Amino acid sequence: MRLVNIVLNIFSVILVGIGVALVITFLFPSSFFNPAPSKQVVATQKDLGPRELVPPALIKKMDKQEAAPKATKKGVRHKAKAAYKPKNNKLWLTIPKMARVKNSLVPTAISSDEEAMNVHTAIHVKGTGFPWQKQANVYIAGHRIGYLNTPSLLAFYDLNKLGAGDKIRVKDANGRHYTYKVFRTLVVTPSDIAITRPIKGRNILSLQSCTLPDYTHRLIIQAVLVG
């Protein structure tokens, strides 16, 4: 009889333990005791949030990668080169059809600088373009008659002989050569400053001198850069 009571007591304890376990399981899900391990998030440049939330070390690494030249099929893509510019703005002018203009120094000066024009074959008018620019009107003015014992004497006397297709050559201070081809002739008044402006998207050269015999107008020869 005593053995039966002991067995019954043990069985009762087991039942009570099972009941308690069931109650705890019902009240507290298993995830409370065994939370699922969090997934490891790999941050990339595309899915990162606000920059201030990104670790400084990662920002530094990303900036370094962005600054590095990107690889291409032919190798490394280098940064764009700076725009070409010679060591100074001096020009040398050659016009094969005008015998007096051969490798003649053309300094840059304001259009009213008579002294500069009188002692040179011609001047490049300050404020107008240069041959090395993508869009420009390289405006060069010279005397038709000029002065004795100076390079200006009869420098542009034959300007009227230039016609469509004739070539004009310019050299810069670095020795680079530019070839222009004449495409039109104009006669304008001295007050027509619009002729000094560039033509959109083109690099042109303009030669100016006075009309003969009265000097009342300006003869303009314009050429476009071809090489």
Protein backbone atom coordinates (compact mmCIF):
# COMPACT_ATOMS: atom_id res chain seq x y z
CA MET A 1 0.00 0.00 0.00
CA ARG A 2 2.83 2.33 0.88
CA LEU A 3 4.52 1.64 -2.46
CA VAL A 4 1.32 2.55 -4.29
CA ASN A 5 1.14 5.90 -2.45
CA ILE A 6 4.74 6.72 -3.39
CA VAL A 7 4.09 5.96 -7.07
CA LEU A 8 0.94 8.10 -7.01
CA ASN A 9 2.84 11.03 -5.44
CA ILE A 10 5.59 10.85 -8.06
CA PHE A 11 3.00 10.71 -10.85
CA SER A 12 1.23 13.75 -9.34
CA VAL A 13 4.47 15.74 -9.27
CA ILE A 14 5.11 14.85 -12.93
CA LEU A 15 1.61 15.98 -13.90
CA VAL A 16 2.04 19.27 -12.03
CA GLY A 17 5.38 19.86 -13.78
CA ILE A 18 3.84 19.20 -17.18
CA GLY A 19 1.02 21.61 -16.40
CA VAL A 20 3.38 24.38 -15.34
CA ALA A 21 5.42 23.86 -18.52
CA LEU A 22 2.29 24.15 -20.67
CA VAL A 23 1.26 27.40 -18.99
CA ILE A 24 4.71 28.97 -19.46
CA THR A 25 4.80 27.93 -23.10
CA PHE A 26 1.40 29.49 -23.70
CA LEU A 27 2.27 32.76 -22.00
CA PHE A 28 5.81 33.15 -23.41
CA PRO A 29 6.58 32.09 -27.02
CA SER A 30 9.74 30.19 -27.70
CA SER A 31 11.28 33.22 -29.45
CA PHE A 32 11.39 34.91 -26.06
CA PHE A 33 13.92 32.37 -24.85
CA ASN A 34 15.61 31.64 -28.19
CA PRO A 35 15.58 34.80 -30.31
CA ALA A 36 16.46 34.21 -33.96
CA PRO A 37 20.00 35.32 -34.81
CA SER A 38 19.99 38.68 -36.68
CA LYS A 39 21.11 38.57 -40.31
CA GLN A 40 24.41 40.25 -41.12
CA VAL A 41 23.78 43.33 -43.31
CA VAL A 42 26.50 44.17 -45.80
CA ALA A 43 26.36 47.90 -46.52
CA THR A 44 27.04 49.03 -50.06
CA GLN A 45 27.30 52.45 -51.65
CA LYS A 46 23.78 52.05 -53.05
CA ASP A 47 21.89 50.99 -49.94
CA LEU A 48 23.59 53.15 -47.30
CA GLY A 49 21.35 55.62 -45.55
CA PRO A 50 22.18 59.23 -44.63
CA ARG A 51 25.91 59.89 -44.79
CA GLU A 52 26.10 60.87 -41.12
CA LEU A 53 24.92 57.38 -40.13
CA VAL A 54 27.73 55.66 -42.00
CA PRO A 55 30.90 54.83 -40.06
CA PRO A 56 33.68 57.37 -40.84
CA ALA A 57 36.08 54.59 -41.84
CA LEU A 58 33.63 53.34 -44.48
CA ILE A 59 33.06 56.88 -45.81
CA LYS A 60 36.80 57.33 -46.25
CA LYS A 61 37.06 54.04 -48.12
CA MET A 62 34.15 54.90 -50.43
CA ASP A 63 35.54 58.37 -51.18
CA LYS A 64 38.87 56.83 -52.09
CA GLN A 65 37.18 54.39 -54.48
CA GLU A 66 35.19 57.19 -56.15
CA ALA A 67 38.29 59.33 -56.61
CA ALA A 68 40.28 56.52 -58.23
CA PRO A 69 40.24 56.40 -62.06
CA LYS A 70 37.84 53.80 -63.42
CA ALA A 71 39.12 50.89 -65.46
CA THR A 72 38.10 50.59 -69.10
CA LYS A 73 38.67 47.96 -71.76
CA LYS A 74 41.76 49.79 -72.94
CA GLY A 75 43.14 50.37 -69.44
CA VAL A 76 42.76 53.18 -66.94
CA ARG A 77 40.56 56.15 -67.72
CA HIS A 78 42.63 59.21 -66.93
CA LYS A 79 41.24 62.56 -65.82
CA ALA A 80 40.41 65.04 -68.60
CA LYS A 81 43.35 67.16 -69.62
CA ALA A 82 43.30 70.87 -68.93
CA ALA A 83 42.43 73.14 -71.86
CA TYR A 84 45.45 73.99 -74.02
CA LYS A 85 46.95 77.44 -73.64
CA PRO A 86 50.37 78.66 -74.87
CA LYS A 87 52.89 80.42 -72.64
CA ASN A 88 51.72 83.88 -73.82
CA ASN A 89 49.24 85.47 -76.25
CA LYS A 90 51.64 86.47 -79.04
CA LEU A 91 50.72 85.35 -82.55
CA TRP A 92 52.63 85.12 -85.83
CA LEU A 93 50.68 85.64 -89.05
CA THR A 94 51.40 84.31 -92.55
CA ILE A 95 49.22 84.97 -95.61
CA PRO A 96 50.68 83.20 -98.68
CA LYS A 97 48.75 85.44 -101.10
CA MET A 98 50.06 88.62 -99.41
CA ALA A 99 53.85 88.78 -99.80
CA ARG A 100 54.36 91.35 -97.02
CA VAL A 101 52.76 89.14 -94.38
CA LYS A 102 55.09 86.25 -93.64
CA ASN A 103 55.68 85.02 -90.09
CA SER A 104 54.84 88.54 -88.89
CA LEU A 105 54.57 89.16 -85.14
CA VAL A 106 51.03 90.13 -84.14
CA PRO A 107 50.82 91.35 -80.52
CA THR A 108 47.56 91.79 -78.63
CA ALA A 109 46.55 95.45 -78.17
CA ILE A 110 43.43 97.59 -77.87
CA SER A 111 42.01 98.70 -81.22
CA SER A 112 42.84 102.38 -80.55
CA ASP A 113 46.53 101.68 -79.86
CA GLU A 114 47.98 103.44 -82.92
CA GLU A 115 51.56 103.03 -81.70
CA ALA A 116 51.25 99.23 -81.57
CA MET A 117 49.65 99.12 -85.02
CA ASN A 118 52.19 101.50 -86.55
CA VAL A 119 55.24 99.46 -85.53
CA HIS A 120 53.82 96.01 -86.37
CA THR A 121 52.37 94.38 -89.46
CA ALA A 122 49.08 94.05 -87.59
CA ILE A 123 47.62 93.68 -84.10
CA HIS A 124 45.30 91.14 -82.54
CA VAL A 125 42.45 93.19 -81.07
CA LYS A 126 42.29 92.79 -77.30
CA GLY A 127 39.08 91.16 -76.07
CA THR A 128 38.59 88.98 -79.14
CA GLY A 129 39.32 85.26 -79.39
CA PHE A 130 42.43 83.14 -79.86
CA PRO A 131 43.14 80.23 -82.25
CA TRP A 132 43.35 77.64 -79.44
CA GLN A 133 39.80 78.31 -78.26
CA LYS A 134 36.88 76.14 -79.38
CA GLN A 135 34.68 79.14 -80.21
CA ALA A 136 36.39 82.38 -81.15
CA ASN A 137 36.74 85.27 -83.56
CA VAL A 138 40.47 85.94 -83.83
CA TYR A 139 40.26 89.58 -84.91
CA ILE A 140 43.39 91.03 -86.55
CA ALA A 141 43.68 94.60 -87.86
CA GLY A 142 46.39 96.18 -90.02
CA HIS A 143 47.09 99.32 -92.08
CA ARG A 144 46.32 99.40 -95.79
CA ILE A 145 48.99 102.04 -96.46
CA GLY A 146 50.94 102.33 -93.20
CA TYR A 147 54.12 104.25 -92.41
CA LEU A 148 57.57 104.40 -93.98
CA ASN A 149 60.37 102.37 -92.41
CA THR A 150 57.95 100.28 -90.32
CA PRO A 151 56.42 96.79 -90.76
CA SER A 152 53.03 98.49 -91.18
CA LEU A 153 53.96 99.90 -94.61
CA LEU A 154 51.49 98.45 -97.16
CA ALA A 155 51.04 95.45 -94.84
CA PHE A 156 47.39 94.83 -95.75
CA TYR A 157 47.43 96.62 -99.11
CA ASP A 158 46.57 93.38 -100.94
CA LEU A 159 43.79 92.37 -98.55
CA ASN A 160 41.17 92.77 -101.29
CA LYS A 161 42.90 90.05 -103.32
CA LEU A 162 41.94 87.33 -100.84
CA GLY A 163 38.99 85.20 -101.90
CA ALA A 164 37.07 82.08 -100.90
CA GLY A 165 39.39 79.14 -100.31
CA ASP A 166 42.58 81.17 -99.76
CA LYS A 167 44.55 80.13 -96.70
CA ILE A 168 45.73 82.12 -93.69
CA ARG A 169 48.19 80.64 -91.21
CA VAL A 170 48.76 81.52 -87.57
CA LYS A 171 51.41 80.30 -85.13
CA ASP A 172 51.20 80.65 -81.34
CA ALA A 173 53.96 81.19 -78.77
CA ASN A 174 54.41 77.42 -78.31
CA GLY A 175 54.97 76.88 -82.04
CA ARG A 176 51.58 75.32 -82.74
CA HIS A 177 50.21 76.12 -86.21
CA TYR A 178 46.60 76.89 -87.19
CA THR A 179 45.30 76.99 -90.74
CA TYR A 180 42.24 79.04 -91.74
CA LYS A 181 40.39 79.08 -95.03
CA VAL A 182 38.63 82.23 -96.31
CA PHE A 183 34.86 81.89 -96.63
CA ARG A 184 33.55 85.47 -97.04
CA THR A 185 34.36 89.16 -97.65
CA LEU A 186 32.49 92.03 -96.03
CA VAL A 187 32.52 95.82 -96.04
CA VAL A 188 31.25 97.46 -92.84
CA THR A 189 31.17 100.85 -91.18
CA PRO A 190 33.73 101.74 -88.49
CA SER A 191 30.97 101.63 -85.85
CA ASP A 192 29.90 98.05 -86.68
CA ILE A 193 31.44 96.26 -83.68
CA ALA A 194 29.22 93.21 -84.17
CA ILE A 195 31.74 92.00 -86.75
CA THR A 196 34.18 91.28 -83.91
CA ARG A 197 31.86 88.76 -82.25
CA PRO A 198 32.33 85.00 -82.69
CA ILE A 199 30.00 82.74 -84.63
CA LYS A 200 28.38 80.14 -82.39
CA GLY A 201 30.27 76.86 -82.31
CA ARG A 202 33.00 77.98 -84.73
CA ASN A 203 36.55 79.28 -84.58
CA ILE A 204 37.04 82.00 -87.19
CA LEU A 205 39.67 84.59 -88.01
CA SER A 206 38.89 88.10 -89.24
CA LEU A 207 41.32 90.42 -91.05
CA GLN A 208 40.45 94.13 -91.09
CA SER A 209 41.80 97.13 -92.97
CA CYS A 210 40.45 100.38 -94.42
CA THR A 211 38.77 100.67 -97.79
CA LEU A 212 40.51 102.62 -100.55
CA PRO A 213 40.76 105.36 -101.59
CA ASP A 214 38.71 107.20 -98.96
CA TYR A 215 39.15 105.04 -95.78
CA THR A 216 35.47 105.54 -94.90
CA HIS A 217 34.65 101.86 -94.41
CA ARG A 218 36.33 98.68 -93.22
CA LEU A 219 37.21 95.76 -95.47
CA ILE A 220 36.79 92.46 -93.62
CA ILE A 221 38.06 89.06 -94.72
CA GLN A 222 36.82 86.11 -92.63
CA ALA A 223 38.22 82.59 -92.58
CA VAL A 224 37.32 79.43 -90.66
CA LEU A 225 39.74 77.11 -88.84
CA VAL A 226 40.34 73.95 -90.88
CA GLY A 227 43.46 72.47 -89.34
